Amino acid sequence: ALVSTQSTGKARSGDLPKLPRNVDPSLHPHAAQREYTAALNAVKLERVFAKPFVGSLDGHRDGVYSMLTHPKRLPTIISGACDGEIKIWNVTTKDCLSSLAAHSGFVRGMGINQSGDCLISVGDDQMVKLWNVDDAMTKGSVEPKHTIVSKTMLTGVDYQWGASSDTFATCGSAVGIWSVNRNEPLRSFTWGVDTISSVTYNKVETYMLASTASDRNIVLYDCRENQPLRKVILSQKTNQVAFNPMEAFNFTAACDDNNLYTFDMRKLKSPLNVHMGHVMAVLSVGYSPTGREFVSGSYDKTVRIFPVGKGRSAEVYHTRRMQRVFCTHYSADSKFVLTGSDETNIRLWKSVAWSQLGPVSARERSAFDYNKKLIDRYSEHPQVKRIKRHRNLPKMVKSISSEHMTIRSARRKKDENRRRHAKPGTVPRIAERAKHVVKEEE
C-alpha cells in the first residue's frame, strides 16, 4: 500500500523525517549560549584540521626564481630556476613534462599568452626566447622557435593579455614594448636612471602595465602612449607588483620594508591599505583569480595569505626546509597556492588550510557553511577571536616580530609624550598609510 507523505513528512521513503520546530525565542531561552558553544567548537575544529601542505615538486638543481600557471590547463605550471632551466609540470601527478635548457644564468622572468601556446623567457644572457608550449609538453625538450638578442640586460618580462595579442613587455635599463614578429622594441619608456626590476601587465585594462625600480618608485604606463603616466615613490624599494583581476584599478606592491601596499592607480598619494606581518623583505605577491585575497612570499621563509581589505594575514605557511620564497602564485581555481623557494622546491598548499580535498556531499557543504556563518557571527568574542588568530610561527620570525612590536610601541609612546608636552597642533597625528609614500609624480 502507498504511504502518504503528509503523515510522515517525507517526499521519498529514504529521506530523513522532517521534525517540526517552533522558532519562538521564548521557547528557546539558551539559543545564544548553544550557538556560541557551537561557534567555539567550529573554530577549534578549523585549527585541528588545518593541514595546508599538499605536496612538493622536486627536480630543479637550483633555486626556483620565477613561476607561472598555464591559462588553459589547470594542473600545468611552468617554473624557471637560477641555473637557467625551465620545467613544465603536471601538479596532479607531480611529473615533470618537459625540461628546457633555456638560459645561461638566472631565468629572470617568464610570460605566457592567453591561449597558452607561446611562452616567453628572459635571462642573464640578454636573450628573449619564445617557446611552443604544446611541443614542449609532447616532445619533452625542444629548441626555441624564436630568439631575440637584447642590447641591454633584461630583468623581467610579461605577456599582454588578450586573445589575439602578440605584444609583450620587458624591463631592464628601460621598459620595452615588443612584438613577437620583430627583433627590435616597438617603443621604450624611461623615467629615472636606475634598473627596473619587474614589469606586470593588467589583465583587465590590458594596455596598462606597471614597473618597479631600484630607486623605490612604481611607474604606471599605457603602452599606447609615448610617455609614462605617473609614478609613486615609496620609502623603500618595491620588488614586485600584482594587479587585482577583479578590480582593474587596484594593485598590490611587495616592498623591502616588510610590508605590502594596495594602491588605487587613480590616487597614488596614499595606499588603500597597508598589509603587515612579514618580518623581512617581501619578495613576491600574487592575486587569487577571485580578487578577494593574495599570497605573498618573503625573505623570512614564510608564505602569508592576506584578505584584500585586511591589514593582517589570515594564514601563515612555513616548513623547516623552506628557504627564501622567490615566487608565489594561485592556481586557476583559487583552491591552491604554489610557491617556489631558494632550496630548489616548488610547494603546493591549500588556500584554505582546513578545507577538505576530494568530493564533498551536500550535507557536509551545508555544515561547513553553517560553521562559517557561526564563526563570522561570533568572531569578535575573545575566545573565538584568540583561537582564530593564533598561528604557530618559527622561532626566528616570532622573536623578530616581537622586537618590531617593541620598537613600534616605543615610537608611539615617544610621539604621545612629545604631543603631550608640546603646543597643541605642533605634533600632528600621522596615519600609518601616509607614512610610507614619499611623493607622487605625473
Protein backbone atom coordinates (compact mmCIF):
# COMPACT_ATOMS: atom_id res chain seq x y z
CA ALA A 1 0.00 0.00 0.00
CA LEU A 2 1.16 3.54 -0.69
CA VAL A 3 2.23 5.61 2.31
CA SER A 4 1.01 9.20 2.42
CA THR A 5 3.82 11.78 2.53
CA GLN A 6 1.58 14.06 4.60
CA SER A 7 1.66 11.71 7.57
CA THR A 8 5.46 11.17 7.56
CA GLY A 9 6.60 14.50 6.12
CA LYS A 10 8.95 12.66 3.74
CA ALA A 11 8.95 13.15 -0.04
CA ARG A 12 10.77 9.83 -0.56
CA SER A 13 11.00 6.74 1.58
CA GLY A 14 14.77 7.19 2.01
CA ASP A 15 14.57 10.80 3.23
CA LEU A 16 15.13 11.80 6.83
CA PRO A 17 11.92 12.70 8.65
CA LYS A 18 11.21 16.41 8.96
CA LEU A 19 10.99 17.50 12.56
CA PRO A 20 8.69 20.42 13.32
CA ARG A 21 10.42 23.29 15.11
CA ASN A 22 8.93 26.35 16.71
CA VAL A 23 11.34 29.28 16.35
CA ASP A 24 9.67 31.40 19.04
CA PRO A 25 12.58 32.87 21.11
CA SER A 26 10.61 32.49 24.34
CA LEU A 27 10.70 28.71 23.88
CA HIS A 28 14.50 28.67 23.38
CA PRO A 29 15.99 30.79 26.18
CA HIS A 30 19.52 29.31 25.77
CA ALA A 31 19.81 29.52 21.96
CA ALA A 32 22.58 32.14 22.04
CA GLN A 33 24.64 30.12 24.52
CA ARG A 34 24.31 26.99 22.39
CA GLU A 35 25.27 28.95 19.26
CA TYR A 36 28.32 30.39 21.00
CA THR A 37 29.42 26.91 22.10
CA ALA A 38 28.91 25.65 18.55
CA ALA A 39 30.98 28.56 17.18
CA LEU A 40 33.76 27.84 19.68
CA ASN A 41 33.79 24.16 18.68
CA ALA A 42 33.77 25.10 14.98
CA VAL A 43 36.77 27.42 15.25
CA LYS A 44 38.65 24.80 17.29
CA LEU A 45 37.93 22.17 14.64
CA GLU A 46 39.28 24.54 11.97
CA ARG A 47 42.62 24.63 13.76
CA VAL A 48 42.57 20.85 14.34
CA PHE A 49 42.04 20.13 10.64
CA ALA A 50 44.41 22.87 9.40
CA LYS A 51 46.85 20.78 7.34
CA PRO A 52 47.72 23.14 4.48
CA PHE A 53 50.71 21.38 2.92
CA VAL A 54 49.70 19.17 -0.01
CA GLY A 55 52.96 18.20 -1.71
CA SER A 56 56.17 19.34 -3.39
CA LEU A 57 57.68 19.17 -6.85
CA ASP A 58 61.36 18.25 -6.63
CA GLY A 59 63.56 18.29 -9.73
CA HIS A 60 65.30 21.64 -10.05
CA ARG A 61 69.00 21.77 -9.26
CA ASP A 62 68.97 25.42 -8.18
CA GLY A 63 66.59 27.87 -6.54
CA VAL A 64 63.22 28.45 -8.24
CA TYR A 65 63.25 32.11 -9.22
CA SER A 66 60.16 32.51 -11.45
CA MET A 67 56.91 30.64 -11.98
CA LEU A 68 53.57 30.91 -13.76
CA THR A 69 50.40 28.88 -14.24
CA HIS A 70 49.02 27.75 -17.58
CA PRO A 71 45.91 29.80 -18.52
CA LYS A 72 44.10 26.85 -20.18
CA ARG A 73 45.33 23.72 -18.39
CA LEU A 74 44.53 23.70 -14.68
CA PRO A 75 47.18 21.20 -13.47
CA THR A 76 50.04 22.63 -15.60
CA ILE A 77 52.61 25.05 -14.19
CA ILE A 78 55.92 26.35 -15.57
CA SER A 79 58.94 27.17 -13.41
CA GLY A 80 62.30 28.79 -14.08
CA ALA A 81 65.40 28.27 -11.95
CA CYS A 82 68.59 30.15 -11.14
CA ASP A 83 70.63 27.74 -13.30
CA GLY A 84 68.73 28.75 -16.47
CA GLU A 85 66.49 25.68 -16.66
CA ILE A 86 62.74 25.86 -17.34
CA LYS A 87 60.49 22.95 -16.35
CA ILE A 88 56.85 22.23 -17.21
CA TRP A 89 55.00 20.28 -14.52
CA ASN A 90 51.78 18.35 -14.07
CA VAL A 91 50.77 19.17 -10.50
CA THR A 92 48.21 16.35 -10.27
CA THR A 93 50.72 13.58 -10.97
CA LYS A 94 53.77 15.58 -9.76
CA ASP A 95 55.53 14.70 -13.01
CA CYS A 96 57.93 16.91 -14.97
CA LEU A 97 56.59 17.00 -18.52
CA SER A 98 59.48 18.91 -20.05
CA SER A 99 62.90 20.34 -19.20
CA LEU A 100 64.29 23.18 -21.31
CA ALA A 101 67.89 24.40 -21.15
CA ALA A 102 66.75 27.97 -21.69
CA HIS A 103 69.42 30.43 -20.49
CA SER A 104 72.92 30.68 -19.11
CA GLY A 105 72.38 32.20 -15.68
CA PHE A 106 69.13 33.09 -13.94
CA VAL A 107 65.76 32.78 -15.63
CA ARG A 108 64.79 36.34 -14.69
CA GLY A 109 61.18 36.19 -15.85
CA MET A 110 58.58 34.34 -17.90
CA GLY A 111 55.30 35.23 -19.59
CA ILE A 112 52.63 33.26 -21.41
CA ASN A 113 49.89 34.38 -23.78
CA GLN A 114 46.18 33.95 -23.10
CA SER A 115 45.81 30.92 -25.39
CA GLY A 116 48.69 29.20 -23.56
CA ASP A 117 50.69 28.12 -26.60
CA CYS A 118 53.53 30.69 -26.55
CA LEU A 119 55.96 31.03 -23.63
CA ILE A 120 58.45 33.88 -23.38
CA SER A 121 61.51 33.79 -21.12
CA VAL A 122 64.37 36.20 -20.40
CA GLY A 123 67.64 35.54 -18.61
CA ASP A 124 71.02 36.88 -17.63
CA ASP A 125 72.35 36.11 -21.12
CA GLN A 126 70.38 39.12 -22.52
CA MET A 127 68.23 36.82 -24.67
CA VAL A 128 64.47 36.75 -25.16
CA LYS A 129 63.34 33.26 -26.16
CA LEU A 130 59.92 32.18 -27.44
CA TRP A 131 58.85 28.57 -26.86
CA ASN A 132 55.99 26.45 -28.20
CA VAL A 133 54.40 25.07 -25.03
CA ASP A 134 52.41 22.30 -26.77
CA ASP A 135 55.52 20.92 -28.49
CA ALA A 136 57.49 21.09 -25.25
CA MET A 137 54.81 19.12 -23.38
CA THR A 138 54.58 16.38 -26.01
CA LYS A 139 58.25 16.05 -27.02
CA GLY A 140 59.84 16.70 -23.63
CA SER A 141 62.58 19.02 -24.89
CA VAL A 142 62.52 21.44 -27.81
CA GLU A 143 64.51 24.32 -29.22
CA PRO A 144 63.09 27.85 -29.00
CA LYS A 145 61.04 28.82 -32.03
CA HIS A 146 62.48 32.35 -31.98
CA THR A 147 65.35 34.08 -30.18
CA ILE A 148 65.92 37.82 -29.78
CA VAL A 149 69.23 39.19 -28.53
CA SER A 150 68.75 42.34 -26.46
CA LYS A 151 71.27 45.15 -26.40
CA THR A 152 70.86 45.61 -22.65
CA MET A 153 70.44 43.40 -19.57
CA LEU A 154 66.87 42.14 -19.01
CA THR A 155 65.38 41.59 -15.56
CA GLY A 156 61.73 40.71 -16.27
CA VAL A 157 59.07 40.04 -18.89
CA ASP A 158 55.28 39.80 -19.11
CA TYR A 159 52.87 38.98 -21.96
CA GLN A 160 49.97 41.31 -22.76
CA TRP A 161 46.64 39.66 -22.01
CA GLY A 162 44.30 39.27 -24.97
CA ALA A 163 43.02 36.53 -27.27
CA SER A 164 44.90 37.86 -30.33
CA SER A 165 47.71 39.80 -28.65
CA ASP A 166 51.29 39.32 -29.87
CA THR A 167 52.79 42.02 -27.63
CA PHE A 168 54.99 41.60 -24.59
CA ALA A 169 56.96 43.91 -22.31
CA THR A 170 60.48 43.57 -20.94
CA CYS A 171 62.37 45.56 -18.34
CA GLY A 172 65.99 46.30 -17.52
CA SER A 173 67.52 49.70 -18.12
CA ALA A 174 64.14 50.66 -19.66
CA VAL A 175 60.67 49.21 -20.23
CA GLY A 176 60.43 47.92 -23.79
CA ILE A 177 57.25 47.04 -25.68
CA TRP A 178 57.92 44.26 -28.21
CA SER A 179 56.08 42.32 -30.87
CA VAL A 180 56.81 38.63 -31.36
CA ASN A 181 57.29 39.35 -35.06
CA ARG A 182 60.08 41.92 -34.64
CA ASN A 183 63.63 41.88 -33.29
CA GLU A 184 63.55 45.49 -32.07
CA PRO A 185 61.19 47.01 -29.47
CA LEU A 186 58.21 48.95 -30.76
CA ARG A 187 58.82 51.64 -28.13
CA SER A 188 60.75 52.17 -24.91
CA PHE A 189 59.86 54.01 -21.71
CA THR A 190 62.30 55.50 -19.21
CA TRP A 191 61.72 57.60 -16.10
CA GLY A 192 64.78 57.78 -13.90
CA VAL A 193 68.19 56.17 -14.25
CA ASP A 194 68.08 53.07 -12.03
CA THR A 195 67.50 49.46 -13.03
CA ILE A 196 63.86 48.37 -13.47
CA SER A 197 63.43 45.06 -11.66
CA SER A 198 59.94 43.87 -12.70
CA VAL A 199 57.11 44.64 -15.12
CA THR A 200 53.49 43.45 -14.92
CA TYR A 201 50.52 43.83 -17.29
CA ASN A 202 46.98 44.47 -16.09
CA LYS A 203 44.74 41.59 -17.22
CA VAL A 204 41.57 43.70 -17.23
CA GLU A 205 42.78 47.03 -18.62
CA THR A 206 45.14 45.20 -20.95
CA TYR A 207 47.04 48.28 -22.18
CA MET A 208 48.07 49.25 -18.65
CA LEU A 209 51.28 47.99 -17.10
CA ALA A 210 53.37 48.77 -14.03
CA SER A 211 57.08 48.54 -13.30
CA THR A 212 59.20 48.64 -10.16
CA ALA A 213 62.73 50.06 -9.98
CA SER A 214 65.63 50.12 -7.56
CA ASP A 215 65.14 53.86 -6.95
CA ARG A 216 62.00 52.96 -4.89
CA ASN A 217 59.42 54.00 -7.49
CA ILE A 218 56.40 52.29 -9.04
CA VAL A 219 55.67 53.60 -12.55
CA LEU A 220 52.40 53.17 -14.47
CA TYR A 221 52.33 53.07 -18.28
CA ASP A 222 49.80 52.96 -21.08
CA CYS A 223 51.53 51.10 -23.91
CA ARG A 224 49.51 53.12 -26.46
CA GLU A 225 51.20 56.32 -25.26
CA ASN A 226 54.74 57.57 -25.79
CA GLN A 227 55.39 58.60 -22.17
CA PRO A 228 54.80 57.01 -18.74
CA LEU A 229 51.59 58.09 -17.00
CA ARG A 230 52.58 58.58 -13.34
CA LYS A 231 54.75 57.20 -10.60
CA VAL A 232 54.80 56.95 -6.84
CA ILE A 233 57.98 56.91 -4.74
CA LEU A 234 57.89 54.82 -1.56
CA SER A 235 60.20 54.85 1.45
CA GLN A 236 61.92 51.63 0.33
CA LYS A 237 62.34 49.55 -2.83
CA THR A 238 59.44 47.62 -4.33
CA ASN A 239 60.21 44.08 -5.53
CA GLN A 240 57.02 43.10 -7.37
CA VAL A 241 53.56 44.38 -8.29
CA ALA A 242 50.36 42.38 -8.88
CA PHE A 243 47.08 43.74 -10.28
CA ASN A 244 43.74 42.69 -8.84
CA PRO A 245 41.99 40.61 -11.56
CA MET A 246 38.53 41.76 -10.42
CA GLU A 247 39.19 45.42 -9.55
CA ALA A 248 41.08 46.79 -12.53
CA PHE A 249 42.35 49.98 -10.87
CA ASN A 250 43.85 48.31 -7.78
CA PHE A 251 47.28 46.76 -7.43
CA THR A 252 49.42 45.49 -4.56
CA ALA A 253 53.14 46.13 -4.17
CA ALA A 254 55.60 43.91 -2.25
CA CYS A 255 58.31 46.03 -0.61
CA ASP A 256 61.63 45.77 1.17
CA ASP A 257 60.21 47.36 4.35
CA ASN A 258 58.41 44.07 5.25
CA ASN A 259 55.01 45.43 4.15
CA LEU A 260 52.67 45.21 1.19
CA TYR A 261 50.69 48.20 -0.05
CA THR A 262 47.44 48.17 -2.01
CA PHE A 263 47.00 51.23 -4.23
CA ASP A 264 44.30 52.67 -6.45
CA MET A 265 46.15 53.73 -9.60
CA ARG A 266 43.92 56.82 -9.86
CA LYS A 267 45.10 58.09 -6.47
CA LEU A 268 48.65 57.22 -5.51
CA LYS A 269 49.12 59.78 -2.73
CA SER A 270 48.30 57.18 -0.10
CA PRO A 271 47.67 53.42 -0.25
CA LEU A 272 44.22 51.95 0.27
CA ASN A 273 45.68 49.52 2.80
CA VAL A 274 48.96 48.58 4.45
CA HIS A 275 49.40 44.82 4.91
CA MET A 276 51.76 43.94 7.76
CA GLY A 277 53.04 40.68 9.18
CA HIS A 278 56.28 39.75 7.43
CA VAL A 279 59.47 40.47 9.36
CA MET A 280 61.82 40.69 6.35
CA ALA A 281 61.64 41.96 2.77
CA VAL A 282 58.61 40.77 0.78
CA LEU A 283 59.87 39.30 -2.49
CA SER A 284 56.71 38.24 -4.33
CA VAL A 285 52.95 38.73 -4.46
CA GLY A 286 50.18 37.04 -6.45
CA TYR A 287 46.41 37.51 -6.56
CA SER A 288 43.70 34.89 -6.36
CA PRO A 289 41.50 34.67 -9.51
CA THR A 290 38.59 35.74 -7.30
CA GLY A 291 40.35 39.01 -6.42
CA ARG A 292 39.43 38.60 -2.74
CA GLU A 293 42.86 37.63 -1.41
CA PHE A 294 46.50 37.50 -2.36
CA VAL A 295 49.54 35.46 -1.35
CA SER A 296 52.98 36.83 -0.55
CA GLY A 297 56.41 35.25 -0.12
CA SER A 298 59.19 36.74 1.92
CA TYR A 299 62.88 36.63 2.76
CA ASP A 300 61.80 35.45 6.23
CA LYS A 301 60.99 32.00 4.74
CA THR A 302 57.23 32.25 5.25
CA VAL A 303 54.20 32.48 2.97
CA ARG A 304 51.22 34.61 4.02
CA ILE A 305 47.69 34.89 2.65
CA PHE A 306 46.02 38.29 3.08
CA PRO A 307 42.36 39.19 2.54
CA VAL A 308 42.27 42.24 0.26
CA GLY A 309 40.64 44.55 2.79
CA LYS A 310 42.58 43.43 5.87
CA GLY A 311 45.95 44.58 7.16
CA ARG A 312 46.68 41.30 8.93
CA SER A 313 47.33 37.96 7.24
CA ALA A 314 44.73 35.22 7.53
CA GLU A 315 47.24 32.38 7.16
CA VAL A 316 50.98 31.81 7.63
CA TYR A 317 52.63 28.80 5.98
CA HIS A 318 56.16 27.58 6.67
CA THR A 319 58.25 24.41 6.80
CA ARG A 320 61.61 23.62 8.31
CA ARG A 321 63.28 23.14 4.92
CA MET A 322 61.75 26.07 3.07
CA GLN A 323 64.13 28.96 2.46
CA ARG A 324 63.58 32.40 0.91
CA VAL A 325 60.40 32.43 -1.18
CA PHE A 326 61.06 33.98 -4.60
CA CYS A 327 57.70 33.40 -6.34
CA THR A 328 54.09 32.79 -5.31
CA HIS A 329 51.01 32.01 -7.39
CA TYR A 330 47.41 30.90 -7.02
CA SER A 331 46.05 28.01 -9.06
CA ALA A 332 43.43 28.90 -11.65
CA ASP A 333 40.62 27.52 -9.45
CA SER A 334 41.92 29.53 -6.42
CA LYS A 335 41.93 26.40 -4.24
CA PHE A 336 45.70 26.03 -4.06
CA VAL A 337 48.80 28.18 -3.63
CA LEU A 338 52.10 27.46 -5.36
CA THR A 339 55.43 28.70 -4.01
CA GLY A 340 58.96 28.49 -5.35
CA SER A 341 61.88 28.94 -2.99
CA ASP A 342 65.65 29.02 -2.74
CA GLU A 343 66.15 25.35 -1.86
CA THR A 344 65.01 24.10 -5.33
CA ASN A 345 61.48 23.02 -4.33
CA ILE A 346 58.05 24.02 -5.58
CA ARG A 347 55.43 23.53 -2.88
CA LEU A 348 51.67 23.13 -3.19
CA TRP A 349 49.47 24.42 -0.34
CA LYS A 350 45.74 24.67 0.26
CA SER A 351 44.48 28.24 0.03
CA VAL A 352 42.11 27.40 2.93
CA ALA A 353 44.16 25.43 5.41
CA TRP A 354 41.29 23.33 6.85
CA SER A 355 39.45 22.68 3.58
CA GLN A 356 38.69 19.09 2.64
CA LEU A 357 40.20 17.67 -0.53
CA GLY A 358 38.03 15.46 -2.71
CA PRO A 359 34.26 15.29 -3.18
CA VAL A 360 32.04 16.90 -0.54
CA SER A 361 28.44 15.86 -0.04
CA ALA A 362 25.61 18.37 0.15
CA ARG A 363 25.17 17.79 3.89
CA GLU A 364 28.91 18.35 4.53
CA ARG A 365 28.88 21.52 2.46
CA SER A 366 25.84 22.75 4.39
CA ALA A 367 27.61 22.01 7.68
CA PHE A 368 30.74 23.87 6.52
CA ASP A 369 28.67 26.90 5.50
CA TYR A 370 26.79 26.89 8.80
CA ASN A 371 30.01 26.71 10.82
CA LYS A 372 31.49 29.55 8.78
CA LYS A 373 28.48 31.73 9.49
CA LEU A 374 28.70 30.90 13.19
CA ILE A 375 32.38 31.85 13.33
CA ASP A 376 31.72 35.12 11.48
CA ARG A 377 28.87 35.94 13.83
CA TYR A 378 30.94 35.39 16.99
CA SER A 379 34.32 36.44 15.54
CA GLU A 380 34.71 39.36 17.96
CA HIS A 381 34.16 37.27 21.10
CA PRO A 382 37.51 37.00 22.93
CA GLN A 383 37.83 33.21 22.97
CA VAL A 384 36.77 32.74 19.35
CA LYS A 385 38.97 35.63 18.21
CA ARG A 386 42.02 34.31 20.06
CA ILE A 387 41.72 30.80 18.61
CA LYS A 388 41.00 32.09 15.11
CA ARG A 389 44.00 34.44 15.09
CA HIS A 390 46.57 32.14 16.66
CA ARG A 391 49.28 30.69 14.39
CA ASN A 392 52.44 28.82 15.26
CA LEU A 393 55.45 30.70 13.89
CA PRO A 394 59.14 29.81 13.52
CA LYS A 395 61.23 30.92 16.47
CA MET A 396 63.20 33.40 14.35
CA VAL A 397 60.04 35.04 12.95
CA LYS A 398 58.45 35.24 16.39
CA SER A 399 61.49 36.87 18.01
CA ILE A 400 61.93 39.43 15.22
CA SER A 401 58.19 40.17 15.25
CA SER A 402 58.31 40.75 19.00
CA GLU A 403 61.27 43.09 18.56
CA HIS A 404 59.45 45.07 15.84
CA MET A 405 56.40 45.32 18.08
CA THR A 406 58.55 46.73 20.89
CA ILE A 407 60.09 49.30 18.52
CA ARG A 408 56.68 50.43 17.22
CA SER A 409 55.34 50.68 20.77
CA ALA A 410 58.31 52.81 21.83
CA ARG A 411 57.82 55.13 18.85
CA ARG A 412 54.13 55.56 19.63
CA LYS A 413 54.93 56.28 23.27
CA LYS A 414 57.58 58.83 22.28
CA ASP A 415 55.16 60.59 19.91
CA GLU A 416 52.50 60.71 22.61
CA ASN A 417 54.96 62.23 25.09
CA ARG A 418 56.04 64.85 22.56
CA ARG A 419 52.40 65.62 21.77
CA ARG A 420 51.53 65.89 25.47
CA HIS A 421 54.31 68.37 26.24
CA ALA A 422 54.20 70.43 23.03
CA LYS A 423 51.96 73.24 21.93
CA PRO A 424 48.61 71.89 20.67
CA GLY A 425 48.73 71.18 16.92
CA THR A 426 52.51 71.28 16.54
CA VAL A 427 52.90 67.45 16.61
CA PRO A 428 50.19 66.13 14.29
CA ARG A 429 48.97 62.55 14.22
CA ILE A 430 50.08 60.83 11.01
CA ALA A 431 48.10 57.86 9.75
CA GLU A 432 50.00 54.66 9.02
CA ARG A 433 49.01 54.86 5.34
CA ALA A 434 50.62 58.28 4.97
CA LYS A 435 53.98 57.32 6.46
CA HIS A 436 55.32 55.27 3.57
CA VAL A 437 54.63 57.34 0.44
CA VAL A 438 57.35 59.90 -0.27
CA LYS A 439 55.96 61.56 -3.39
CA GLU A 440 53.61 61.13 -6.35
CA GLU A 441 54.62 62.45 -9.77
CA GLU A 442 52.75 62.74 -13.04
